[in-house]
Amino acid sequence: AEFVDYALSQPDTTERLILDFSGLTFFATAAFSALHTLNVRCVRAQIRWAMVSSPAVDRLLRICDPDAALPIASDLDAALVAVHDEPPRLLQLVPEPR
């Protein structure tokens, strides 16, 4: 909880957030839980975010996030592109013409 609160300590002025985990050699399930909470809070606050992964992070995310719901980037450049690009558009139902 402290990590998430620190990462989002300025939600009114934060538009983009990048977390660089590239140097991590260990990543536990508690960290995944924190990232899930961070993701929910970022969506709520409309903060675009991405994380730079590492082999340890990738290993846990293959198990805990098999659908790749969290925004993972291979390096810092990719993370910068991810948080600055247009957000993905949601599908919208369009009525068929009569």
PDB file of N, CA and C in Angstrom:
ATOM      1  N   ALA A   1       0.826  -1.193   0.000  1.00  0.00           N
ATOM      2  CA  ALA A   1       0.000   0.000   0.000  1.00  0.00           C
ATOM      3  C   ALA A   1       0.872   1.259   0.000  1.00  0.00           C
ATOM      4  N   GLU A   2       1.992   1.215   0.721  1.00  0.00           N
ATOM      5  CA  GLU A   2       2.883   2.379   0.775  1.00  0.00           C
ATOM      6  C   GLU A   2       3.468   2.683  -0.600  1.00  0.00           C
ATOM      7  N   PHE A   3       3.826   1.636  -1.337  1.00  0.00           N
ATOM      8  CA  PHE A   3       4.380   1.826  -2.678  1.00  0.00           C
ATOM      9  C   PHE A   3       3.360   2.515  -3.589  1.00  0.00           C
ATOM     10  N   VAL A   4       2.135   2.035  -3.586  1.00  0.00           N
ATOM     11  CA  VAL A   4       1.094   2.608  -4.439  1.00  0.00           C
ATOM     12  C   VAL A   4       0.812   4.049  -4.027  1.00  0.00           C
ATOM     13  N   ASP A   5       0.717   4.294  -2.729  1.00  0.00           N
ATOM     14  CA  ASP A   5       0.472   5.661  -2.259  1.00  0.00           C
ATOM     15  C   ASP A   5       1.606   6.589  -2.673  1.00  0.00           C
ATOM     16  N   TYR A   6       2.844   6.110  -2.590  1.00  0.00           N
ATOM     17  CA  TYR A   6       3.986   6.937  -3.000  1.00  0.00           C
ATOM     18  C   TYR A   6       3.957   7.195  -4.505  1.00  0.00           C
ATOM     19  N   ALA A   7       3.722   6.153  -5.294  1.00  0.00           N
ATOM     20  CA  ALA A   7       3.714   6.296  -6.753  1.00  0.00           C
ATOM     21  C   ALA A   7       2.625   7.262  -7.208  1.00  0.00           C
ATOM     22  N   LEU A   8       1.533   7.301  -6.482  1.00  0.00           N
ATOM     23  CA  LEU A   8       0.410   8.169  -6.850  1.00  0.00           C
ATOM     24  C   LEU A   8       0.230   9.308  -5.850  1.00  0.00           C
ATOM     25  N   SER A   9       1.340   9.798  -5.312  1.00  0.00           N
ATOM     26  CA  SER A   9       1.266  10.829  -4.277  1.00  0.00           C
ATOM     27  C   SER A   9       0.782  12.173  -4.814  1.00  0.00           C
ATOM     28  N   GLN A  10       0.835  12.376  -6.130  1.00  0.00           N
ATOM     29  CA  GLN A  10       0.382  13.631  -6.732  1.00  0.00           C
ATOM     30  C   GLN A  10      -0.658  13.350  -7.829  1.00  0.00           C
ATOM     31  N   PRO A  11      -1.777  12.715  -7.513  1.00  0.00           N
ATOM     32  CA  PRO A  11      -2.718  12.305  -8.564  1.00  0.00           C
ATOM     33  C   PRO A  11      -3.341  13.472  -9.327  1.00  0.00           C
ATOM     34  N   ASP A  12      -3.442  14.643  -8.704  1.00  0.00           N
ATOM     35  CA  ASP A  12      -4.057  15.778  -9.384  1.00  0.00           C
ATOM     36  C   ASP A  12      -3.157  16.383 -10.454  1.00  0.00           C
ATOM     37  N   THR A  13      -1.850  16.165 -10.329  1.00  0.00           N
ATOM     38  CA  THR A  13      -0.911  16.750 -11.296  1.00  0.00           C
ATOM     39  C   THR A  13      -0.195  15.694 -12.130  1.00  0.00           C
ATOM     40  N   THR A  14      -0.489  14.434 -11.903  1.00  0.00           N
ATOM     41  CA  THR A  14       0.168  13.352 -12.639  1.00  0.00           C
ATOM     42  C   THR A  14      -0.703  12.914 -13.804  1.00  0.00           C
ATOM     43  N   GLU A  15      -0.131  12.954 -15.007  1.00  0.00           N
ATOM     44  CA  GLU A  15      -0.833  12.479 -16.195  1.00  0.00           C
ATOM     45  C   GLU A  15      -0.232  11.181 -16.708  1.00  0.00           C
ATOM     46  N   ARG A  16       1.068  10.989 -16.447  1.00  0.00           N
ATOM     47  CA  ARG A  16       1.777   9.814 -16.943  1.00  0.00           C
ATOM     48  C   ARG A  16       2.722   9.300 -15.858  1.00  0.00           C
ATOM     49  N   LEU A  17       2.910   7.973 -15.848  1.00  0.00           N
ATOM     50  CA  LEU A  17       3.767   7.358 -14.847  1.00  0.00           C
ATOM     51  C   LEU A  17       4.493   6.186 -15.486  1.00  0.00           C
ATOM     52  N   ILE A  18       5.806   6.118 -15.282  1.00  0.00           N
ATOM     53  CA  ILE A  18       6.593   4.978 -15.751  1.00  0.00           C
ATOM     54  C   ILE A  18       7.323   4.396 -14.549  1.00  0.00           C
ATOM     55  N   LEU A  19       7.201   3.093 -14.372  1.00  0.00           N
ATOM     56  CA  LEU A  19       7.917   2.370 -13.325  1.00  0.00           C
ATOM     57  C   LEU A  19       8.987   1.522 -13.992  1.00  0.00           C
ATOM     58  N   ASP A  20      10.237   1.702 -13.582  1.00  0.00           N
ATOM     59  CA  ASP A  20      11.350   0.969 -14.181  1.00  0.00           C
ATOM     60  C   ASP A  20      11.793  -0.149 -13.244  1.00  0.00           C
ATOM     61  N   PHE A  21      11.381  -1.362 -13.569  1.00  0.00           N
ATOM     62  CA  PHE A  21      11.751  -2.542 -12.788  1.00  0.00           C
ATOM     63  C   PHE A  21      12.859  -3.340 -13.467  1.00  0.00           C
ATOM     64  N   SER A  22      13.519  -2.759 -14.443  1.00  0.00           N
ATOM     65  CA  SER A  22      14.489  -3.503 -15.248  1.00  0.00           C
ATOM     66  C   SER A  22      15.650  -4.067 -14.432  1.00  0.00           C
ATOM     67  N   GLY A  23      15.944  -3.485 -13.291  1.00  0.00           N
ATOM     68  CA  GLY A  23      17.045  -3.985 -12.472  1.00  0.00           C
ATOM     69  C   GLY A  23      16.642  -4.981 -11.403  1.00  0.00           C
ATOM     70  N   LEU A  24      15.360  -5.291 -11.314  1.00  0.00           N
ATOM     71  CA  LEU A  24      14.908  -6.222 -10.273  1.00  0.00           C
ATOM     72  C   LEU A  24      15.311  -7.658 -10.579  1.00  0.00           C
ATOM     73  N   THR A  25      15.755  -8.344  -9.535  1.00  0.00           N
ATOM     74  CA  THR A  25      16.075  -9.766  -9.680  1.00  0.00           C
ATOM     75  C   THR A  25      15.083 -10.643  -8.915  1.00  0.00           C
ATOM     76  N   PHE A  26      14.190 -10.012  -8.152  1.00  0.00           N
ATOM     77  CA  PHE A  26      13.160 -10.753  -7.423  1.00  0.00           C
ATOM     78  C   PHE A  26      11.880  -9.934  -7.454  1.00  0.00           C
ATOM     79  N   PHE A  27      10.765 -10.604  -7.665  1.00  0.00           N
ATOM     80  CA  PHE A  27       9.468  -9.952  -7.754  1.00  0.00           C
ATOM     81  C   PHE A  27       8.441 -10.921  -7.192  1.00  0.00           C
ATOM     82  N   ALA A  28       7.839 -10.579  -6.062  1.00  0.00           N
ATOM     83  CA  ALA A  28       6.923 -11.487  -5.362  1.00  0.00           C
ATOM     84  C   ALA A  28       5.468 -11.194  -5.690  1.00  0.00           C
ATOM     85  N   THR A  29       4.597 -12.071  -5.236  1.00  0.00           N
ATOM     86  CA  THR A  29       3.167 -11.897  -5.496  1.00  0.00           C
ATOM     87  C   THR A  29       2.613 -10.642  -4.826  1.00  0.00           C
ATOM     88  N   ALA A  30       3.204 -10.217  -3.713  1.00  0.00           N
ATOM     89  CA  ALA A  30       2.763  -8.973  -3.075  1.00  0.00           C
ATOM     90  C   ALA A  30       2.996  -7.788  -4.009  1.00  0.00           C
ATOM     91  N   ALA A  31       4.064  -7.834  -4.777  1.00  0.00           N
ATOM     92  CA  ALA A  31       4.341  -6.765  -5.744  1.00  0.00           C
ATOM     93  C   ALA A  31       3.298  -6.780  -6.857  1.00  0.00           C
ATOM     94  N   PHE A  32       2.896  -7.968  -7.287  1.00  0.00           N
ATOM     95  CA  PHE A  32       1.845  -8.051  -8.298  1.00  0.00           C
ATOM     96  C   PHE A  32       0.545  -7.450  -7.765  1.00  0.00           C
ATOM     97  N   SER A  33       0.216  -7.753  -6.534  1.00  0.00           N
ATOM     98  CA  SER A  33      -0.986  -7.206  -5.921  1.00  0.00           C
ATOM     99  C   SER A  33      -0.919  -5.677  -5.892  1.00  0.00           C
ATOM    100  N   ALA A  34       0.240  -5.137  -5.566  1.00  0.00           N
ATOM    101  CA  ALA A  34       0.413  -3.681  -5.552  1.00  0.00           C
ATOM    102  C   ALA A  34       0.245  -3.107  -6.957  1.00  0.00           C
ATOM    103  N   LEU A  35       0.779  -3.789  -7.969  1.00  0.00           N
ATOM    104  CA  LEU A  35       0.631  -3.306  -9.343  1.00  0.00           C
ATOM    105  C   LEU A  35      -0.824  -3.343  -9.794  1.00  0.00           C
ATOM    106  N   HIS A  36      -1.538  -4.358  -9.382  1.00  0.00           N
ATOM    107  CA  HIS A  36      -2.961  -4.434  -9.726  1.00  0.00           C
ATOM    108  C   HIS A  36      -3.710  -3.250  -9.107  1.00  0.00           C
ATOM    109  N   THR A  37      -3.431  -2.961  -7.839  1.00  0.00           N
ATOM    110  CA  THR A  37      -4.048  -1.817  -7.165  1.00  0.00           C
ATOM    111  C   THR A  37      -3.649  -0.519  -7.858  1.00  0.00           C
ATOM    112  N   LEU A  38      -2.382  -0.397  -8.215  1.00  0.00           N
ATOM    113  CA  LEU A  38      -1.903   0.791  -8.920  1.00  0.00           C
ATOM    114  C   LEU A  38      -2.643   0.957 -10.241  1.00  0.00           C
ATOM    115  N   ASN A  39      -2.826  -0.128 -10.963  1.00  0.00           N
ATOM    116  CA  ASN A  39      -3.530  -0.085 -12.245  1.00  0.00           C
ATOM    117  C   ASN A  39      -4.958   0.430 -12.065  1.00  0.00           C
ATOM    118  N   VAL A  40      -5.663  -0.081 -11.086  1.00  0.00           N
ATOM    119  CA  VAL A  40      -7.041   0.342 -10.825  1.00  0.00           C
ATOM    120  C   VAL A  40      -7.084   1.831 -10.484  1.00  0.00           C
ATOM    121  N   ARG A  41      -6.165   2.264  -9.640  1.00  0.00           N
ATOM    122  CA  ARG A  41      -6.152   3.682  -9.246  1.00  0.00           C
ATOM    123  C   ARG A  41      -5.741   4.588 -10.403  1.00  0.00           C
ATOM    124  N   CYS A  42      -4.833   4.131 -11.254  1.00  0.00           N
ATOM    125  CA  CYS A  42      -4.444   4.930 -12.420  1.00  0.00           C
ATOM    126  C   CYS A  42      -5.611   5.073 -13.390  1.00  0.00           C
ATOM    127  N   VAL A  43      -6.340   3.996 -13.611  1.00  0.00           N
ATOM    128  CA  VAL A  43      -7.510   4.063 -14.489  1.00  0.00           C
ATOM    129  C   VAL A  43      -8.514   5.058 -13.924  1.00  0.00           C
ATOM    130  N   ARG A  44      -8.769   4.965 -12.648  1.00  0.00           N
ATOM    131  CA  ARG A  44      -9.726   5.862 -11.994  1.00  0.00           C
ATOM    132  C   ARG A  44      -9.286   7.328 -12.111  1.00  0.00           C
ATOM    133  N   ALA A  45      -7.979   7.596 -11.965  1.00  0.00           N
ATOM    134  CA  ALA A  45      -7.460   8.965 -12.008  1.00  0.00           C
ATOM    135  C   ALA A  45      -7.071   9.403 -13.422  1.00  0.00           C
ATOM    136  N   GLN A  46      -7.298   8.539 -14.400  1.00  0.00           N
ATOM    137  CA  GLN A  46      -6.957   8.799 -15.802  1.00  0.00           C
ATOM    138  C   GLN A  46      -5.469   9.110 -15.974  1.00  0.00           C
ATOM    139  N   ILE A  47      -4.634   8.298 -15.329  1.00  0.00           N
ATOM    140  CA  ILE A  47      -3.184   8.408 -15.443  1.00  0.00           C
ATOM    141  C   ILE A  47      -2.707   7.319 -16.384  1.00  0.00           C
ATOM    142  N   ARG A  48      -2.016   7.695 -17.456  1.00  0.00           N
ATOM    143  CA  ARG A  48      -1.422   6.719 -18.382  1.00  0.00           C
ATOM    144  C   ARG A  48      -0.148   6.204 -17.737  1.00  0.00           C
ATOM    145  N   TRP A  49       0.001   4.883 -17.651  1.00  0.00           N
ATOM    146  CA  TRP A  49       1.196   4.350 -17.018  1.00  0.00           C
ATOM    147  C   TRP A  49       1.700   3.135 -17.750  1.00  0.00           C
ATOM    148  N   ALA A  50       2.973   2.836 -17.518  1.00  0.00           N
ATOM    149  CA  ALA A  50       3.612   1.638 -18.075  1.00  0.00           C
ATOM    150  C   ALA A  50       4.754   1.246 -17.151  1.00  0.00           C
ATOM    151  N   MET A  51       5.139  -0.001 -17.238  1.00  0.00           N
ATOM    152  CA  MET A  51       6.293  -0.463 -16.463  1.00  0.00           C
ATOM    153  C   MET A  51       7.298  -1.128 -17.382  1.00  0.00           C
ATOM    154  N   VAL A  52       8.569  -0.888 -17.072  1.00  0.00           N
ATOM    155  CA  VAL A  52       9.653  -1.560 -17.769  1.00  0.00           C
ATOM    156  C   VAL A  52       9.935  -2.827 -16.978  1.00  0.00           C
ATOM    157  N   SER A  53       9.903  -3.936 -17.656  1.00  0.00           N
ATOM    158  CA  SER A  53       9.966  -5.239 -17.001  1.00  0.00           C
ATOM    159  C   SER A  53      11.404  -5.736 -16.848  1.00  0.00           C
ATOM    160  N   SER A  54      11.526  -6.883 -16.223  1.00  0.00           N
ATOM    161  CA  SER A  54      12.790  -7.619 -16.076  1.00  0.00           C
ATOM    162  C   SER A  54      12.444  -9.103 -16.142  1.00  0.00           C
ATOM    163  N   PRO A  55      13.425  -9.969 -16.274  1.00  0.00           N
ATOM    164  CA  PRO A  55      13.105 -11.405 -16.292  1.00  0.00           C
ATOM    165  C   PRO A  55      12.345 -11.871 -15.045  1.00  0.00           C
ATOM    166  N   ALA A  56      12.677 -11.334 -13.878  1.00  0.00           N
ATOM    167  CA  ALA A  56      11.972 -11.727 -12.649  1.00  0.00           C
ATOM    168  C   ALA A  56      10.517 -11.268 -12.685  1.00  0.00           C
ATOM    169  N   VAL A  57      10.284 -10.059 -13.173  1.00  0.00           N
ATOM    170  CA  VAL A  57       8.920  -9.531 -13.277  1.00  0.00           C
ATOM    171  C   VAL A  57       8.142 -10.334 -14.317  1.00  0.00           C
ATOM    172  N   ASP A  58       8.769 -10.570 -15.470  1.00  0.00           N
ATOM    173  CA  ASP A  58       8.107 -11.341 -16.530  1.00  0.00           C
ATOM    174  C   ASP A  58       7.691 -12.727 -16.047  1.00  0.00           C
ATOM    175  N   ARG A  59       8.554 -13.366 -15.272  1.00  0.00           N
ATOM    176  CA  ARG A  59       8.272 -14.723 -14.781  1.00  0.00           C
ATOM    177  C   ARG A  59       6.991 -14.726 -13.939  1.00  0.00           C
ATOM    178  N   LEU A  60       6.852 -13.768 -13.037  1.00  0.00           N
ATOM    179  CA  LEU A  60       5.657 -13.736 -12.194  1.00  0.00           C
ATOM    180  C   LEU A  60       4.423 -13.312 -12.991  1.00  0.00           C
ATOM    181  N   LEU A  61       4.584 -12.373 -13.910  1.00  0.00           N
ATOM    182  CA  LEU A  61       3.434 -11.908 -14.676  1.00  0.00           C
ATOM    183  C   LEU A  61       2.897 -12.985 -15.617  1.00  0.00           C
ATOM    184  N   ARG A  62       3.738 -13.883 -16.076  1.00  0.00           N
ATOM    185  CA  ARG A  62       3.249 -15.005 -16.903  1.00  0.00           C
ATOM    186  C   ARG A  62       2.244 -15.843 -16.119  1.00  0.00           C
ATOM    187  N   ILE A  63       2.431 -15.916 -14.820  1.00  0.00           N
ATOM    188  CA  ILE A  63       1.542 -16.707 -13.969  1.00  0.00           C
ATOM    189  C   ILE A  63       0.347 -15.871 -13.500  1.00  0.00           C
ATOM    190  N   CYS A  64       0.608 -14.665 -12.991  1.00  0.00           N
ATOM    191  CA  CYS A  64      -0.433 -13.859 -12.353  1.00  0.00           C
ATOM    192  C   CYS A  64      -1.217 -12.975 -13.318  1.00  0.00           C
ATOM    193  N   ASP A  65      -0.650 -12.683 -14.483  1.00  0.00           N
ATOM    194  CA  ASP A  65      -1.315 -11.803 -15.440  1.00  0.00           C
ATOM    195  C   ASP A  65      -1.238 -12.420 -16.839  1.00  0.00           C
ATOM    196  N   PRO A  66      -1.805 -13.623 -17.013  1.00  0.00           N
ATOM    197  CA  PRO A  66      -1.659 -14.313 -18.300  1.00  0.00           C
ATOM    198  C   PRO A  66      -2.336 -13.580 -19.464  1.00  0.00           C
ATOM    199  N   ASP A  67      -3.304 -12.726 -19.173  1.00  0.00           N
ATOM    200  CA  ASP A  67      -3.983 -11.981 -20.230  1.00  0.00           C
ATOM    201  C   ASP A  67      -3.312 -10.652 -20.545  1.00  0.00           C
ATOM    202  N   ALA A  68      -2.182 -10.382 -19.884  1.00  0.00           N
ATOM    203  CA  ALA A  68      -1.400  -9.158 -20.101  1.00  0.00           C
ATOM    204  C   ALA A  68      -2.251  -7.897 -19.926  1.00  0.00           C
ATOM    205  N   ALA A  69      -2.968  -7.827 -18.817  1.00  0.00           N
ATOM    206  CA  ALA A  69      -3.798  -6.655 -18.535  1.00  0.00           C
ATOM    207  C   ALA A  69      -2.966  -5.459 -18.083  1.00  0.00           C
ATOM    208  N   LEU A  70      -1.807  -5.725 -17.506  1.00  0.00           N
ATOM    209  CA  LEU A  70      -0.948  -4.636 -17.049  1.00  0.00           C
ATOM    210  C   LEU A  70      -0.083  -4.135 -18.204  1.00  0.00           C
ATOM    211  N   PRO A  71       0.183  -2.821 -18.247  1.00  0.00           N
ATOM    212  CA  PRO A  71       0.950  -2.235 -19.353  1.00  0.00           C
ATOM    213  C   PRO A  71       2.457  -2.455 -19.200  1.00  0.00           C
ATOM    214  N   ILE A  72       2.976  -3.455 -19.896  1.00  0.00           N
ATOM    215  CA  ILE A  72       4.385  -3.818 -19.806  1.00  0.00           C
ATOM    216  C   ILE A  72       5.117  -3.323 -21.033  1.00  0.00           C
ATOM    217  N   ALA A  73       6.309  -2.756 -20.813  1.00  0.00           N
ATOM    218  CA  ALA A  73       7.160  -2.300 -21.906  1.00  0.00           C
ATOM    219  C   ALA A  73       8.502  -3.005 -21.803  1.00  0.00           C
ATOM    220  N   SER A  74       9.122  -3.240 -22.948  1.00  0.00           N
ATOM    221  CA  SER A  74      10.397  -3.962 -22.973  1.00  0.00           C
ATOM    222  C   SER A  74      11.566  -3.090 -22.523  1.00  0.00           C
ATOM    223  N   ASP A  75      11.457  -1.769 -22.710  1.00  0.00           N
ATOM    224  CA  ASP A  75      12.523  -0.853 -22.287  1.00  0.00           C
ATOM    225  C   ASP A  75      11.921   0.527 -22.060  1.00  0.00           C
ATOM    226  N   LEU A  76      12.762   1.453 -21.616  1.00  0.00           N
ATOM    227  CA  LEU A  76      12.271   2.786 -21.287  1.00  0.00           C
ATOM    228  C   LEU A  76      11.708   3.509 -22.500  1.00  0.00           C
ATOM    229  N   ASP A  77      12.353   3.366 -23.654  1.00  0.00           N
ATOM    230  CA  ASP A  77      11.837   4.017 -24.864  1.00  0.00           C
ATOM    231  C   ASP A  77      10.425   3.536 -25.189  1.00  0.00           C
ATOM    232  N   ALA A  78      10.201   2.237 -25.084  1.00  0.00           N
ATOM    233  CA  ALA A  78       8.870   1.682 -25.356  1.00  0.00           C
ATOM    234  C   ALA A  78       7.852   2.173 -24.328  1.00  0.00           C
ATOM    235  N   ALA A  79       8.270   2.315 -23.084  1.00  0.00           N
ATOM    236  CA  ALA A  79       7.369   2.821 -22.043  1.00  0.00           C
ATOM    237  C   ALA A  79       6.994   4.274 -22.315  1.00  0.00           C
ATOM    238  N   LEU A  80       7.962   5.069 -22.746  1.00  0.00           N
ATOM    239  CA  LEU A  80       7.682   6.470 -23.076  1.00  0.00           C
ATOM    240  C   LEU A  80       6.686   6.571 -24.222  1.00  0.00           C
ATOM    241  N   VAL A  81       6.859   5.733 -25.225  1.00  0.00           N
ATOM    242  CA  VAL A  81       5.917   5.720 -26.349  1.00  0.00           C
ATOM    243  C   VAL A  81       4.536   5.308 -25.854  1.00  0.00           C
ATOM    244  N   ALA A  82       4.485   4.296 -25.003  1.00  0.00           N
ATOM    245  CA  ALA A  82       3.198   3.782 -24.515  1.00  0.00           C
ATOM    246  C   ALA A  82       2.410   4.836 -23.747  1.00  0.00           C
ATOM    247  N   VAL A  83       3.069   5.627 -22.924  1.00  0.00           N
ATOM    248  CA  VAL A  83       2.328   6.608 -22.120  1.00  0.00           C
ATOM    249  C   VAL A  83       2.022   7.889 -22.889  1.00  0.00           C
ATOM    250  N   HIS A  84       2.690   8.093 -24.030  1.00  0.00           N
ATOM    251  CA  HIS A  84       2.440   9.296 -24.817  1.00  0.00           C
ATOM    252  C   HIS A  84       1.550   9.062 -26.029  1.00  0.00           C
ATOM    253  N   ASP A  85       1.432   7.828 -26.476  1.00  0.00           N
ATOM    254  CA  ASP A  85       0.555   7.532 -27.612  1.00  0.00           C
ATOM    255  C   ASP A  85      -0.903   7.720 -27.214  1.00  0.00           C
ATOM    256  N   GLU A  86      -1.738   7.780 -28.226  1.00  0.00           N
ATOM    257  CA  GLU A  86      -3.172   7.857 -27.974  1.00  0.00           C
ATOM    258  C   GLU A  86      -3.614   6.604 -27.224  1.00  0.00           C
ATOM    259  N   PRO A  87      -4.510   6.758 -26.248  1.00  0.00           N
ATOM    260  CA  PRO A  87      -4.985   5.565 -25.539  1.00  0.00           C
ATOM    261  C   PRO A  87      -5.779   4.669 -26.483  1.00  0.00           C
ATOM    262  N   PRO A  88      -5.754   3.369 -26.215  1.00  0.00           N
ATOM    263  CA  PRO A  88      -6.533   2.472 -27.070  1.00  0.00           C
ATOM    264  C   PRO A  88      -8.010   2.810 -26.984  1.00  0.00           C
ATOM    265  N   ARG A  89      -8.666   2.758 -28.119  1.00  0.00           N
ATOM    266  CA  ARG A  89     -10.094   3.064 -28.140  1.00  0.00           C
ATOM    267  C   ARG A  89     -10.893   1.848 -27.715  1.00  0.00           C
ATOM    268  N   LEU A  90     -11.941   2.109 -26.967  1.00  0.00           N
ATOM    269  CA  LEU A  90     -12.825   1.033 -26.545  1.00  0.00           C
ATOM    270  C   LEU A  90     -13.766   0.693 -27.686  1.00  0.00           C
ATOM    271  N   LEU A  91     -14.186  -0.552 -27.720  1.00  0.00           N
ATOM    272  CA  LEU A  91     -15.156  -0.953 -28.732  1.00  0.00           C
ATOM    273  C   LEU A  91     -16.477  -0.250 -28.466  1.00  0.00           C
ATOM    274  N   GLN A  92     -17.147   0.106 -29.526  1.00  0.00           N
ATOM    275  CA  GLN A  92     -18.418   0.800 -29.392  1.00  0.00           C
ATOM    276  C   GLN A  92     -19.451   0.099 -30.262  1.00  0.00           C
ATOM    277  N   LEU A  93     -20.610  -0.157 -29.698  1.00  0.00           N
ATOM    278  CA  LEU A  93     -21.688  -0.765 -30.447  1.00  0.00           C
ATOM    279  C   LEU A  93     -22.335   0.286 -31.336  1.00  0.00           C
ATOM    280  N   VAL A  94     -22.511  -0.075 -32.606  1.00  0.00           N
ATOM    281  CA  VAL A  94     -23.109   0.840 -33.572  1.00  0.00           C
ATOM    282  C   VAL A  94     -24.338   0.138 -34.138  1.00  0.00           C
ATOM    283  N   PRO A  95     -25.489   0.809 -34.095  1.00  0.00           N
ATOM    284  CA  PRO A  95     -26.685   0.161 -34.622  1.00  0.00           C
ATOM    285  C   PRO A  95     -26.593  -0.032 -36.136  1.00  0.00           C
ATOM    286  N   GLU A  96     -27.156  -1.124 -36.597  1.00  0.00           N
ATOM    287  CA  GLU A  96     -27.179  -1.386 -38.033  1.00  0.00           C
ATOM    288  C   GLU A  96     -28.201  -0.474 -38.700  1.00  0.00           C
ATOM    289  N   PRO A  97     -27.890  -0.003 -39.896  1.00  0.00           N
ATOM    290  CA  PRO A  97     -28.887   0.810 -40.614  1.00  0.00           C
ATOM    291  C   PRO A  97     -30.093  -0.044 -40.988  1.00  0.00           C
ATOM    292  N   ARG A  98     -31.245   0.546 -41.060  1.00  0.00           N
ATOM    293  CA  ARG A  98     -32.470  -0.199 -41.383  1.00  0.00           C
ATOM    294  C   ARG A  98     -32.722  -0.207 -42.850  1.00  0.00           C
TER     295      ARG A  98
END
